[in-house]
Amino acid sequence: MRIAMVTDAWTPQRNGVVRVLTALTATLKAMGHEIGVFEPGAFPTLPCPSYPEIPLALFPGARLAGLLEAFAPDAVHLATEGPLGWAGRGWCLERGLPFTTAYHTKFPDYVTARTGLPLDWSYAVMRRFHRPAAATLCPSPSVYRELRERGFPGAVEWSHGVDTDTFRPRGKGMFGLPRPVFLYVGRVAVEKNLPAFLDLDLPGSKLVVGDGPARAGLMRRYPEAHFHIVNGDDELARAYSDGDVFVFPSRTDTFGLVMLEALACGVPVAAFPVTGPRDVVDGAAVGVLSEDLAGAARAALAIAPDACRAHAARFSWGAVARQFLTRLRPFGPAAQKGAATTQAG
């Protein structure tokens, strides 16, 4: 199948959405599908306000239309709600073609955190974007329930995965810090709620691995914490493995792929009992969820690394990709082939 993946998030950006999409497209290609990725690198861009590391395509409608026509997809998936997502939506609607979308990020919560605009306004925009979609893929049961409650009728469940070949225990000592090492990996931005971690009274060391617009300010505010940037998945896996507990202070993530990557490296999780952590950790003896984040972090020290690794192994990218394919709404030759197969059966 020829699948058009339209996304405002792509390399060299470093975030969970990019990690999910690059892993998904690689898996789909390995399964024999042809994937066309339509991302900001093919367009003139401007920096995203308050987040200059993210480029936004500038007036992409006409160029994206030409690229999509040339690719001639059998199915279209709009992965993000940025300028490219809206342009892809318009292209499909003008031609009466079905498409799917995804809700990777709690964008309304981020807008409210950065601007103070009412949350309901942002959700109204998101409902408008997703309403015509044949399906809106939600990365966890919690997000699915939340979107259904907020009036997203096309919401469907979809999971995420982890590459357990890359993310595996690599041994301790990469940073040479006093133990125990309480670790955070991910974007360093206001919505990640990092002060809730860095303000904790914990023994040993606090380690933050990642980059983002809040990094410089947090480094000044918390000189006793350790901040590092790593390059490539191999180095990232070594960084995860050096932690004793992965502390995830975010209250706004839809899933939290970083928690799965930490678990695959044998590192237990401490987090608030909210969307994301509940879907990854709740019900499994691989982490502690509590409003007392310091208590959760200390308690997680007692969790066996082998249990964490075994739990992460349940989340394979093959299963994620197969579920993704069932959510697509093919048209043209692919749809006719599917209909013929159904009639023959």
C-alpha atoms as a PDB file:
ATOM      1  CA  MET A   1       0.000   0.000   0.000  1.00  0.00           C
ATOM      2  CA  ARG A   2       1.170   3.556  -0.743  1.00  0.00           C
ATOM      3  CA  ILE A   3       0.659   5.516   2.465  1.00  0.00           C
ATOM      4  CA  ALA A   4       1.047   9.300   2.669  1.00  0.00           C
ATOM      5  CA  MET A   5       2.250  10.364   6.126  1.00  0.00           C
ATOM      6  CA  VAL A   6       1.748  14.113   6.564  1.00  0.00           C
ATOM      7  CA  THR A   7       3.504  15.454   9.649  1.00  0.00           C
ATOM      8  CA  ASP A   8       4.769  18.714  11.098  1.00  0.00           C
ATOM      9  CA  ALA A   9       7.064  16.721  13.416  1.00  0.00           C
ATOM     10  CA  TRP A  10      10.071  15.026  11.852  1.00  0.00           C
ATOM     11  CA  THR A  11      13.824  14.779  12.092  1.00  0.00           C
ATOM     12  CA  PRO A  12      16.010  16.559  13.099  1.00  0.00           C
ATOM     13  CA  GLN A  13      13.455  17.505  15.757  1.00  0.00           C
ATOM     14  CA  ARG A  14      13.936  15.519  18.969  1.00  0.00           C
ATOM     15  CA  ASN A  15      10.696  14.586  20.682  1.00  0.00           C
ATOM     16  CA  GLY A  16       8.441  11.633  21.337  1.00  0.00           C
ATOM     17  CA  VAL A  17       6.223  12.242  18.310  1.00  0.00           C
ATOM     18  CA  VAL A  18       9.219  12.081  15.963  1.00  0.00           C
ATOM     19  CA  ARG A  19      10.452   8.899  17.634  1.00  0.00           C
ATOM     20  CA  VAL A  20       7.050   7.258  17.206  1.00  0.00           C
ATOM     21  CA  LEU A  21       6.672   8.296  13.569  1.00  0.00           C
ATOM     22  CA  THR A  22      10.182   7.315  12.492  1.00  0.00           C
ATOM     23  CA  ALA A  23       9.837   3.895  14.153  1.00  0.00           C
ATOM     24  CA  LEU A  24       6.367   3.394  12.648  1.00  0.00           C
ATOM     25  CA  THR A  25       7.437   4.313   9.099  1.00  0.00           C
ATOM     26  CA  ALA A  26      10.530   2.083   9.311  1.00  0.00           C
ATOM     27  CA  THR A  27       8.374  -0.844  10.463  1.00  0.00           C
ATOM     28  CA  LEU A  28       5.777  -0.281   7.736  1.00  0.00           C
ATOM     29  CA  LYS A  29       8.511  -0.170   5.079  1.00  0.00           C
ATOM     30  CA  ALA A  30       9.956  -3.416   6.413  1.00  0.00           C
ATOM     31  CA  MET A  31       6.479  -4.923   6.005  1.00  0.00           C
ATOM     32  CA  GLY A  32       6.518  -4.008   2.298  1.00  0.00           C
ATOM     33  CA  HIS A  33       4.507  -0.777   2.256  1.00  0.00           C
ATOM     34  CA  GLU A  34       5.610   2.356   0.403  1.00  0.00           C
ATOM     35  CA  ILE A  35       5.581   5.365   2.726  1.00  0.00           C
ATOM     36  CA  GLY A  36       5.693   8.956   1.533  1.00  0.00           C
ATOM     37  CA  VAL A  37       6.611  11.288   4.385  1.00  0.00           C
ATOM     38  CA  PHE A  38       5.582  14.909   3.821  1.00  0.00           C
ATOM     39  CA  GLU A  39       7.371  16.982   6.453  1.00  0.00           C
ATOM     40  CA  PRO A  40       8.684  20.542   7.012  1.00  0.00           C
ATOM     41  CA  GLY A  41      12.073  19.874   5.379  1.00  0.00           C
ATOM     42  CA  ALA A  42      10.446  20.086   1.943  1.00  0.00           C
ATOM     43  CA  PHE A  43       8.953  23.547   2.551  1.00  0.00           C
ATOM     44  CA  PRO A  44       9.945  27.092   3.482  1.00  0.00           C
ATOM     45  CA  THR A  45       9.587  27.344   7.257  1.00  0.00           C
ATOM     46  CA  LEU A  46       9.520  29.733  10.167  1.00  0.00           C
ATOM     47  CA  PRO A  47      10.338  28.947  13.825  1.00  0.00           C
ATOM     48  CA  CYS A  48       7.429  27.953  16.036  1.00  0.00           C
ATOM     49  CA  PRO A  49       6.632  30.788  18.492  1.00  0.00           C
ATOM     50  CA  SER A  50       8.071  30.002  21.945  1.00  0.00           C
ATOM     51  CA  TYR A  51       9.634  26.800  20.563  1.00  0.00           C
ATOM     52  CA  PRO A  52      12.135  27.831  17.841  1.00  0.00           C
ATOM     53  CA  GLU A  53      13.571  24.301  17.544  1.00  0.00           C
ATOM     54  CA  ILE A  54      10.368  23.299  15.711  1.00  0.00           C
ATOM     55  CA  PRO A  55      10.065  24.624  12.131  1.00  0.00           C
ATOM     56  CA  LEU A  56       6.573  25.287  10.795  1.00  0.00           C
ATOM     57  CA  ALA A  57       5.878  25.004   7.069  1.00  0.00           C
ATOM     58  CA  LEU A  58       4.967  28.378   5.585  1.00  0.00           C
ATOM     59  CA  PHE A  59       1.789  28.374   3.431  1.00  0.00           C
ATOM     60  CA  PRO A  60       2.301  24.738   2.364  1.00  0.00           C
ATOM     61  CA  GLY A  61      -1.073  24.128   0.672  1.00  0.00           C
ATOM     62  CA  ALA A  62      -0.190  24.387  -3.016  1.00  0.00           C
ATOM     63  CA  ARG A  63       3.169  22.632  -2.752  1.00  0.00           C
ATOM     64  CA  LEU A  64       1.797  19.841  -0.565  1.00  0.00           C
ATOM     65  CA  ALA A  65      -1.059  19.309  -3.011  1.00  0.00           C
ATOM     66  CA  GLY A  66       1.403  18.878  -5.866  1.00  0.00           C
ATOM     67  CA  LEU A  67       3.534  16.445  -3.863  1.00  0.00           C
ATOM     68  CA  LEU A  68       0.533  14.368  -2.837  1.00  0.00           C
ATOM     69  CA  GLU A  69      -0.790  14.250  -6.404  1.00  0.00           C
ATOM     70  CA  ALA A  70       2.600  13.057  -7.629  1.00  0.00           C
ATOM     71  CA  PHE A  71       2.829  10.384  -4.930  1.00  0.00           C
ATOM     72  CA  ALA A  72      -0.729   9.137  -5.637  1.00  0.00           C
ATOM     73  CA  PRO A  73      -1.362   7.559  -2.232  1.00  0.00           C
ATOM     74  CA  ASP A  74      -3.744   4.719  -1.449  1.00  0.00           C
ATOM     75  CA  ALA A  75      -4.306   6.134   2.052  1.00  0.00           C
ATOM     76  CA  VAL A  76      -3.548   9.394   3.862  1.00  0.00           C
ATOM     77  CA  HIS A  77      -2.642   9.776   7.531  1.00  0.00           C
ATOM     78  CA  LEU A  78      -2.339  13.239   9.100  1.00  0.00           C
ATOM     79  CA  ALA A  79      -0.070  12.774  12.103  1.00  0.00           C
ATOM     80  CA  THR A  80      -0.115  16.325  13.498  1.00  0.00           C
ATOM     81  CA  GLU A  81      -2.344  19.384  13.700  1.00  0.00           C
ATOM     82  CA  GLY A  82       0.183  21.946  12.419  1.00  0.00           C
ATOM     83  CA  PRO A  83       0.262  23.784   9.068  1.00  0.00           C
ATOM     84  CA  LEU A  84       1.010  20.605   7.105  1.00  0.00           C
ATOM     85  CA  GLY A  85      -1.735  18.703   8.891  1.00  0.00           C
ATOM     86  CA  TRP A  86      -4.281  21.392   8.068  1.00  0.00           C
ATOM     87  CA  ALA A  87      -3.084  21.571   4.443  1.00  0.00           C
ATOM     88  CA  GLY A  88      -3.355  17.781   4.107  1.00  0.00           C
ATOM     89  CA  ARG A  89      -6.835  17.922   5.622  1.00  0.00           C
ATOM     90  CA  GLY A  90      -7.869  20.501   3.032  1.00  0.00           C
ATOM     91  CA  TRP A  91      -6.453  18.426   0.165  1.00  0.00           C
ATOM     92  CA  CYS A  92      -8.434  15.362   1.232  1.00  0.00           C
ATOM     93  CA  LEU A  93     -11.670  17.261   1.837  1.00  0.00           C
ATOM     94  CA  GLU A  94     -11.502  19.022  -1.534  1.00  0.00           C
ATOM     95  CA  ARG A  95     -11.251  15.642  -3.268  1.00  0.00           C
ATOM     96  CA  GLY A  96     -13.713  13.793  -1.047  1.00  0.00           C
ATOM     97  CA  LEU A  97     -11.003  11.377   0.128  1.00  0.00           C
ATOM     98  CA  PRO A  98     -11.076   9.678   3.539  1.00  0.00           C
ATOM     99  CA  PHE A  99      -8.147  10.195   5.889  1.00  0.00           C
ATOM    100  CA  THR A 100      -7.077   9.370   9.416  1.00  0.00           C
ATOM    101  CA  THR A 101      -5.502  11.575  12.052  1.00  0.00           C
ATOM    102  CA  ALA A 102      -3.625  11.033  15.303  1.00  0.00           C
ATOM    103  CA  TYR A 103      -3.675  12.772  18.669  1.00  0.00           C
ATOM    104  CA  HIS A 104      -0.032  12.425  19.711  1.00  0.00           C
ATOM    105  CA  THR A 105       0.178  15.545  21.859  1.00  0.00           C
ATOM    106  CA  LYS A 106      -2.063  17.366  24.308  1.00  0.00           C
ATOM    107  CA  PHE A 107      -1.695  20.474  22.218  1.00  0.00           C
ATOM    108  CA  PRO A 108      -4.540  22.374  23.963  1.00  0.00           C
ATOM    109  CA  ASP A 109      -2.868  21.921  27.357  1.00  0.00           C
ATOM    110  CA  TYR A 110       0.461  23.160  25.956  1.00  0.00           C
ATOM    111  CA  VAL A 111      -1.156  26.245  24.417  1.00  0.00           C
ATOM    112  CA  THR A 112      -2.835  27.056  27.735  1.00  0.00           C
ATOM    113  CA  ALA A 113       0.435  26.556  29.642  1.00  0.00           C
ATOM    114  CA  ARG A 114       2.318  28.872  27.280  1.00  0.00           C
ATOM    115  CA  THR A 115      -0.298  31.562  26.574  1.00  0.00           C
ATOM    116  CA  GLY A 116      -2.952  31.407  29.288  1.00  0.00           C
ATOM    117  CA  LEU A 117      -5.721  31.034  26.675  1.00  0.00           C
ATOM    118  CA  PRO A 118      -8.798  29.128  27.879  1.00  0.00           C
ATOM    119  CA  LEU A 119      -8.434  25.366  27.466  1.00  0.00           C
ATOM    120  CA  ASP A 120     -11.894  25.075  25.872  1.00  0.00           C
ATOM    121  CA  TRP A 121     -10.826  27.342  23.002  1.00  0.00           C
ATOM    122  CA  SER A 122      -7.910  25.122  22.089  1.00  0.00           C
ATOM    123  CA  TYR A 123     -10.022  21.969  22.287  1.00  0.00           C
ATOM    124  CA  ALA A 124     -12.586  23.571  19.987  1.00  0.00           C
ATOM    125  CA  VAL A 125      -9.868  24.039  17.350  1.00  0.00           C
ATOM    126  CA  MET A 126      -8.707  20.437  17.811  1.00  0.00           C
ATOM    127  CA  ARG A 127     -12.277  19.117  17.441  1.00  0.00           C
ATOM    128  CA  ARG A 128     -12.629  21.040  14.185  1.00  0.00           C
ATOM    129  CA  PHE A 129      -9.383  19.571  12.842  1.00  0.00           C
ATOM    130  CA  HIS A 130     -10.189  15.957  13.715  1.00  0.00           C
ATOM    131  CA  ARG A 131     -13.968  15.891  13.133  1.00  0.00           C
ATOM    132  CA  PRO A 132     -13.863  14.974   9.389  1.00  0.00           C
ATOM    133  CA  ALA A 133     -11.331  12.165   9.961  1.00  0.00           C
ATOM    134  CA  ALA A 134     -12.461   8.569   9.461  1.00  0.00           C
ATOM    135  CA  ALA A 135     -10.567   7.775  12.675  1.00  0.00           C
ATOM    136  CA  THR A 136      -8.459   9.688  15.193  1.00  0.00           C
ATOM    137  CA  LEU A 137      -5.772   7.412  16.619  1.00  0.00           C
ATOM    138  CA  CYS A 138      -5.230   7.777  20.370  1.00  0.00           C
ATOM    139  CA  PRO A 139      -1.959   6.486  21.879  1.00  0.00           C
ATOM    140  CA  SER A 140      -3.516   5.160  25.078  1.00  0.00           C
ATOM    141  CA  PRO A 141      -6.853   4.099  26.583  1.00  0.00           C
ATOM    142  CA  SER A 142      -6.819   7.174  28.830  1.00  0.00           C
ATOM    143  CA  VAL A 143      -6.502   9.571  25.881  1.00  0.00           C
ATOM    144  CA  TYR A 144      -9.229   7.661  24.025  1.00  0.00           C
ATOM    145  CA  ARG A 145     -11.631   8.079  26.948  1.00  0.00           C
ATOM    146  CA  GLU A 146     -10.717  11.744  27.383  1.00  0.00           C
ATOM    147  CA  LEU A 147     -11.271  12.592  23.717  1.00  0.00           C
ATOM    148  CA  ARG A 148     -14.582  10.757  23.611  1.00  0.00           C
ATOM    149  CA  GLU A 149     -15.702  12.762  26.647  1.00  0.00           C
ATOM    150  CA  ARG A 150     -14.587  15.984  24.926  1.00  0.00           C
ATOM    151  CA  GLY A 151     -16.619  15.308  21.792  1.00  0.00           C
ATOM    152  CA  PHE A 152     -14.192  13.603  19.389  1.00  0.00           C
ATOM    153  CA  PRO A 153     -16.513  10.994  17.810  1.00  0.00           C
ATOM    154  CA  GLY A 154     -13.843   9.350  15.631  1.00  0.00           C
ATOM    155  CA  ALA A 155     -11.445   8.546  18.478  1.00  0.00           C
ATOM    156  CA  VAL A 156     -10.045   4.997  18.378  1.00  0.00           C
ATOM    157  CA  GLU A 157      -7.394   3.283  20.488  1.00  0.00           C
ATOM    158  CA  TRP A 158      -3.858   2.766  19.229  1.00  0.00           C
ATOM    159  CA  SER A 159      -0.738   1.825  21.158  1.00  0.00           C
ATOM    160  CA  HIS A 160       2.960   2.738  20.897  1.00  0.00           C
ATOM    161  CA  GLY A 161       6.003   0.503  20.973  1.00  0.00           C
ATOM    162  CA  VAL A 162       9.676   0.354  21.869  1.00  0.00           C
ATOM    163  CA  ASP A 163      12.753  -1.018  20.107  1.00  0.00           C
ATOM    164  CA  THR A 164      14.007  -3.474  22.710  1.00  0.00           C
ATOM    165  CA  ASP A 165      17.073  -4.339  20.611  1.00  0.00           C
ATOM    166  CA  THR A 166      18.361  -0.786  20.901  1.00  0.00           C
ATOM    167  CA  PHE A 167      16.943   0.023  24.318  1.00  0.00           C
ATOM    168  CA  ARG A 168      18.344  -2.617  26.640  1.00  0.00           C
ATOM    169  CA  PRO A 169      20.414  -2.530  29.863  1.00  0.00           C
ATOM    170  CA  ARG A 170      23.898  -1.199  29.080  1.00  0.00           C
ATOM    171  CA  GLY A 171      25.404  -1.032  32.571  1.00  0.00           C
ATOM    172  CA  LYS A 172      25.865   1.827  35.018  1.00  0.00           C
ATOM    173  CA  GLY A 173      28.507   4.532  35.236  1.00  0.00           C
ATOM    174  CA  MET A 174      28.141   6.577  32.041  1.00  0.00           C
ATOM    175  CA  PHE A 175      28.039   9.874  33.918  1.00  0.00           C
ATOM    176  CA  GLY A 176      29.936   8.837  37.055  1.00  0.00           C
ATOM    177  CA  LEU A 177      27.399  10.459  39.402  1.00  0.00           C
ATOM    178  CA  PRO A 178      26.774   9.681  43.091  1.00  0.00           C
ATOM    179  CA  ARG A 179      24.027   7.079  43.473  1.00  0.00           C
ATOM    180  CA  PRO A 180      21.172   6.625  43.378  1.00  0.00           C
ATOM    181  CA  VAL A 181      20.683   8.464  40.090  1.00  0.00           C
ATOM    182  CA  PHE A 182      17.175   9.835  39.539  1.00  0.00           C
ATOM    183  CA  LEU A 183      16.814  10.412  35.814  1.00  0.00           C
ATOM    184  CA  TYR A 184      14.602  12.358  33.420  1.00  0.00           C
ATOM    185  CA  VAL A 185      14.948  12.013  29.637  1.00  0.00           C
ATOM    186  CA  GLY A 186      12.984  14.077  27.139  1.00  0.00           C
ATOM    187  CA  ARG A 187      12.183  17.572  25.981  1.00  0.00           C
ATOM    188  CA  VAL A 188      13.117  20.264  28.460  1.00  0.00           C
ATOM    189  CA  ALA A 189      10.061  22.476  28.159  1.00  0.00           C
ATOM    190  CA  VAL A 190       7.534  24.111  30.459  1.00  0.00           C
ATOM    191  CA  GLU A 191       4.831  21.528  29.808  1.00  0.00           C
ATOM    192  CA  LYS A 192       7.084  18.734  31.115  1.00  0.00           C
ATOM    193  CA  ASN A 193       6.756  20.126  34.657  1.00  0.00           C
ATOM    194  CA  LEU A 194      10.438  19.541  35.479  1.00  0.00           C
ATOM    195  CA  PRO A 195      10.496  21.689  38.650  1.00  0.00           C
ATOM    196  CA  ALA A 196       8.201  19.059  40.209  1.00  0.00           C
ATOM    197  CA  PHE A 197      11.164  16.671  39.837  1.00  0.00           C
ATOM    198  CA  LEU A 198      14.055  19.043  40.459  1.00  0.00           C
ATOM    199  CA  ASP A 199      12.498  20.467  43.648  1.00  0.00           C
ATOM    200  CA  LEU A 200      12.309  17.010  45.270  1.00  0.00           C
ATOM    201  CA  ASP A 201      14.384  16.155  48.317  1.00  0.00           C
ATOM    202  CA  LEU A 202      16.135  12.988  47.109  1.00  0.00           C
ATOM    203  CA  PRO A 203      19.455  11.297  47.878  1.00  0.00           C
ATOM    204  CA  GLY A 204      22.180  10.847  45.283  1.00  0.00           C
ATOM    205  CA  SER A 205      21.922  12.756  42.002  1.00  0.00           C
ATOM    206  CA  LYS A 206      19.306  14.273  39.719  1.00  0.00           C
ATOM    207  CA  LEU A 207      20.074  13.920  36.016  1.00  0.00           C
ATOM    208  CA  VAL A 208      18.244  15.598  33.106  1.00  0.00           C
ATOM    209  CA  VAL A 209      19.045  14.340  29.608  1.00  0.00           C
ATOM    210  CA  GLY A 210      17.604  16.368  26.766  1.00  0.00           C
ATOM    211  CA  ASP A 211      17.291  19.793  25.200  1.00  0.00           C
ATOM    212  CA  GLY A 212      14.556  22.376  24.862  1.00  0.00           C
ATOM    213  CA  PRO A 213      13.584  26.006  25.438  1.00  0.00           C
ATOM    214  CA  ALA A 214      13.505  25.712  29.259  1.00  0.00           C
ATOM    215  CA  ARG A 215      16.945  24.118  29.612  1.00  0.00           C
ATOM    216  CA  ALA A 216      19.073  27.234  30.149  1.00  0.00           C
ATOM    217  CA  GLY A 217      16.705  28.635  32.763  1.00  0.00           C
ATOM    218  CA  LEU A 218      16.514  25.350  34.663  1.00  0.00           C
ATOM    219  CA  MET A 219      20.294  25.005  34.648  1.00  0.00           C
ATOM    220  CA  ARG A 220      20.573  28.412  36.341  1.00  0.00           C
ATOM    221  CA  ARG A 221      17.761  27.654  38.788  1.00  0.00           C
ATOM    222  CA  TYR A 222      19.039  24.177  39.739  1.00  0.00           C
ATOM    223  CA  PRO A 223      22.866  24.286  39.728  1.00  0.00           C
ATOM    224  CA  GLU A 224      23.048  21.093  41.812  1.00  0.00           C
ATOM    225  CA  ALA A 225      21.304  19.052  39.089  1.00  0.00           C
ATOM    226  CA  HIS A 226      23.183  17.542  36.158  1.00  0.00           C
ATOM    227  CA  PHE A 227      22.169  18.376  32.586  1.00  0.00           C
ATOM    228  CA  HIS A 228      23.406  16.475  29.526  1.00  0.00           C
ATOM    229  CA  ILE A 229      22.609  16.143  25.834  1.00  0.00           C
ATOM    230  CA  VAL A 230      23.276  12.853  24.044  1.00  0.00           C
ATOM    231  CA  ASN A 231      23.499  11.981  20.365  1.00  0.00           C
ATOM    232  CA  GLY A 232      21.974   8.907  18.762  1.00  0.00           C
ATOM    233  CA  ASP A 233      19.958   6.040  20.160  1.00  0.00           C
ATOM    234  CA  ASP A 234      22.975   4.032  21.295  1.00  0.00           C
ATOM    235  CA  GLU A 235      24.178   6.854  23.514  1.00  0.00           C
ATOM    236  CA  LEU A 236      20.617   7.496  24.635  1.00  0.00           C
ATOM    237  CA  ALA A 237      20.209   3.866  25.715  1.00  0.00           C
ATOM    238  CA  ARG A 238      23.424   4.134  27.730  1.00  0.00           C
ATOM    239  CA  ALA A 239      22.069   7.276  29.387  1.00  0.00           C
ATOM    240  CA  TYR A 240      18.805   5.548  30.322  1.00  0.00           C
ATOM    241  CA  SER A 241      20.727   2.574  31.704  1.00  0.00           C
ATOM    242  CA  ASP A 242      22.777   4.803  33.998  1.00  0.00           C
ATOM    243  CA  GLY A 243      19.662   5.781  35.953  1.00  0.00           C
ATOM    244  CA  ASP A 244      18.359   3.962  39.002  1.00  0.00           C
ATOM    245  CA  VAL A 245      14.852   5.448  38.749  1.00  0.00           C
ATOM    246  CA  PHE A 246      13.232   7.250  35.837  1.00  0.00           C
ATOM    247  CA  VAL A 247      11.228  10.193  37.215  1.00  0.00           C
ATOM    248  CA  PHE A 248       8.473  11.417  34.900  1.00  0.00           C
ATOM    249  CA  PRO A 249       6.908  14.625  36.282  1.00  0.00           C
ATOM    250  CA  SER A 250       4.716  15.515  33.282  1.00  0.00           C
ATOM    251  CA  ARG A 251       0.959  15.749  33.803  1.00  0.00           C
ATOM    252  CA  THR A 252       0.088  16.442  30.155  1.00  0.00           C
ATOM    253  CA  ASP A 253       1.591  13.613  28.071  1.00  0.00           C
ATOM    254  CA  THR A 254      -0.659  11.404  25.989  1.00  0.00           C
ATOM    255  CA  PHE A 255       1.566   8.350  26.431  1.00  0.00           C
ATOM    256  CA  GLY A 256       5.184   8.986  27.406  1.00  0.00           C
ATOM    257  CA  LEU A 257       7.333   6.821  25.119  1.00  0.00           C
ATOM    258  CA  VAL A 258      10.361   7.703  27.240  1.00  0.00           C
ATOM    259  CA  MET A 259       8.930   5.609  30.070  1.00  0.00           C
ATOM    260  CA  LEU A 260       8.852   2.534  27.833  1.00  0.00           C
ATOM    261  CA  GLU A 261      12.429   3.191  26.707  1.00  0.00           C
ATOM    262  CA  ALA A 262      13.557   3.510  30.328  1.00  0.00           C
ATOM    263  CA  LEU A 263      11.786   0.282  31.290  1.00  0.00           C
ATOM    264  CA  ALA A 264      13.381  -1.527  28.348  1.00  0.00           C
ATOM    265  CA  CYS A 265      16.745  -0.472  29.792  1.00  0.00           C
ATOM    266  CA  GLY A 266      15.773  -1.982  33.148  1.00  0.00           C
ATOM    267  CA  VAL A 267      14.978   1.303  34.907  1.00  0.00           C
ATOM    268  CA  PRO A 268      11.762   1.566  36.995  1.00  0.00           C
ATOM    269  CA  VAL A 269       9.441   4.562  36.769  1.00  0.00           C
ATOM    270  CA  ALA A 270       8.177   7.075  39.318  1.00  0.00           C
ATOM    271  CA  ALA A 271       5.384   9.362  38.127  1.00  0.00           C
ATOM    272  CA  PHE A 272       2.135  11.073  38.965  1.00  0.00           C
ATOM    273  CA  PRO A 273      -1.026   8.937  38.565  1.00  0.00           C
ATOM    274  CA  VAL A 274      -2.149  10.656  35.344  1.00  0.00           C
ATOM    275  CA  THR A 275      -2.695   9.877  31.656  1.00  0.00           C
ATOM    276  CA  GLY A 276       0.445   8.361  30.191  1.00  0.00           C
ATOM    277  CA  PRO A 277       1.965   6.838  33.332  1.00  0.00           C
ATOM    278  CA  ARG A 278      -1.311   5.053  34.078  1.00  0.00           C
ATOM    279  CA  ASP A 279      -1.299   3.483  30.621  1.00  0.00           C
ATOM    280  CA  VAL A 280       2.369   2.453  30.674  1.00  0.00           C
ATOM    281  CA  VAL A 281       2.897   1.523  34.337  1.00  0.00           C
ATOM    282  CA  ASP A 282      -0.395   1.084  36.202  1.00  0.00           C
ATOM    283  CA  GLY A 283      -1.135  -2.508  37.141  1.00  0.00           C
ATOM    284  CA  ALA A 284       2.422  -3.693  36.528  1.00  0.00           C
ATOM    285  CA  ALA A 285       5.106  -3.951  39.207  1.00  0.00           C
ATOM    286  CA  VAL A 286       7.521  -1.772  37.235  1.00  0.00           C
ATOM    287  CA  GLY A 287       6.919   1.642  38.753  1.00  0.00           C
ATOM    288  CA  VAL A 288       5.231   3.665  41.462  1.00  0.00           C
ATOM    289  CA  LEU A 289       2.516   6.230  40.731  1.00  0.00           C
ATOM    290  CA  SER A 290       1.685   8.723  43.449  1.00  0.00           C
ATOM    291  CA  GLU A 291       0.954  12.381  44.054  1.00  0.00           C
ATOM    292  CA  ASP A 292       3.915  12.110  46.454  1.00  0.00           C
ATOM    293  CA  LEU A 293       6.522  12.025  43.689  1.00  0.00           C
ATOM    294  CA  ALA A 294       9.480  11.933  46.094  1.00  0.00           C
ATOM    295  CA  GLY A 295       7.988   8.946  47.899  1.00  0.00           C
ATOM    296  CA  ALA A 296       7.321   7.248  44.577  1.00  0.00           C
ATOM    297  CA  ALA A 297      10.919   7.795  43.477  1.00  0.00           C
ATOM    298  CA  ARG A 298      12.334   6.320  46.667  1.00  0.00           C
ATOM    299  CA  ALA A 299       9.963   3.338  46.561  1.00  0.00           C
ATOM    300  CA  ALA A 300      10.819   2.605  42.927  1.00  0.00           C
ATOM    301  CA  LEU A 301      14.428   1.926  43.922  1.00  0.00           C
ATOM    302  CA  ALA A 302      13.294  -1.485  45.195  1.00  0.00           C
ATOM    303  CA  ILE A 303      11.867  -2.630  41.829  1.00  0.00           C
ATOM    304  CA  ALA A 304      13.806  -5.336  39.985  1.00  0.00           C
ATOM    305  CA  PRO A 305      15.321  -4.285  36.616  1.00  0.00           C
ATOM    306  CA  ASP A 306      14.387  -7.658  35.064  1.00  0.00           C
ATOM    307  CA  ALA A 307      10.692  -6.997  35.708  1.00  0.00           C
ATOM    308  CA  CYS A 308      10.968  -3.620  33.959  1.00  0.00           C
ATOM    309  CA  ARG A 309      12.628  -5.160  30.936  1.00  0.00           C
ATOM    310  CA  ALA A 310      10.042  -7.948  30.677  1.00  0.00           C
ATOM    311  CA  HIS A 311       7.156  -5.450  30.803  1.00  0.00           C
ATOM    312  CA  ALA A 312       8.634  -3.304  28.011  1.00  0.00           C
ATOM    313  CA  ALA A 313       9.053  -6.376  25.795  1.00  0.00           C
ATOM    314  CA  ARG A 314       5.249  -6.583  25.509  1.00  0.00           C
ATOM    315  CA  PHE A 315       5.185  -3.420  23.376  1.00  0.00           C
ATOM    316  CA  SER A 316       6.487  -4.356  19.912  1.00  0.00           C
ATOM    317  CA  TRP A 317       6.527  -2.027  16.901  1.00  0.00           C
ATOM    318  CA  GLY A 318       5.266  -4.856  14.700  1.00  0.00           C
ATOM    319  CA  ALA A 319       2.031  -5.034  16.681  1.00  0.00           C
ATOM    320  CA  VAL A 320       1.746  -1.224  16.648  1.00  0.00           C
ATOM    321  CA  ALA A 321       2.163  -1.096  12.848  1.00  0.00           C
ATOM    322  CA  ARG A 322      -0.377  -3.868  12.244  1.00  0.00           C
ATOM    323  CA  GLN A 323      -2.926  -2.045  14.386  1.00  0.00           C
ATOM    324  CA  PHE A 324      -2.160   1.197  12.521  1.00  0.00           C
ATOM    325  CA  LEU A 325      -2.921  -0.495   9.190  1.00  0.00           C
ATOM    326  CA  THR A 326      -6.340  -1.620  10.429  1.00  0.00           C
ATOM    327  CA  ARG A 327      -7.175   2.003  11.278  1.00  0.00           C
ATOM    328  CA  LEU A 328      -6.349   3.402   7.815  1.00  0.00           C
ATOM    329  CA  ARG A 329      -9.112   4.114   5.273  1.00  0.00           C
ATOM    330  CA  PRO A 330      -7.665   3.201   1.854  1.00  0.00           C
ATOM    331  CA  PHE A 331      -9.144   4.568  -1.366  1.00  0.00           C
ATOM    332  CA  GLY A 332      -8.493   3.964  -5.059  1.00  0.00           C
ATOM    333  CA  PRO A 333      -6.784   0.697  -6.086  1.00  0.00           C
ATOM    334  CA  ALA A 334      -6.023  -0.330  -2.495  1.00  0.00           C
ATOM    335  CA  ALA A 335      -9.671   0.026  -1.482  1.00  0.00           C
ATOM    336  CA  GLN A 336     -10.833  -1.908  -4.566  1.00  0.00           C
ATOM    337  CA  LYS A 337      -8.355  -4.685  -3.803  1.00  0.00           C
ATOM    338  CA  GLY A 338      -9.638  -4.894  -0.238  1.00  0.00           C
ATOM    339  CA  ALA A 339     -13.255  -5.008  -1.421  1.00  0.00           C
ATOM    340  CA  ALA A 340     -12.448  -7.762  -3.915  1.00  0.00           C
ATOM    341  CA  THR A 341     -10.731  -9.768  -1.211  1.00  0.00           C
ATOM    342  CA  THR A 342     -13.770  -9.395   1.040  1.00  0.00           C
ATOM    343  CA  GLN A 343     -16.180 -10.486  -1.720  1.00  0.00           C
ATOM    344  CA  ALA A 344     -13.992 -13.482  -2.588  1.00  0.00           C
ATOM    345  CA  GLY A 345     -14.052 -14.550   1.056  1.00  0.00           C
END
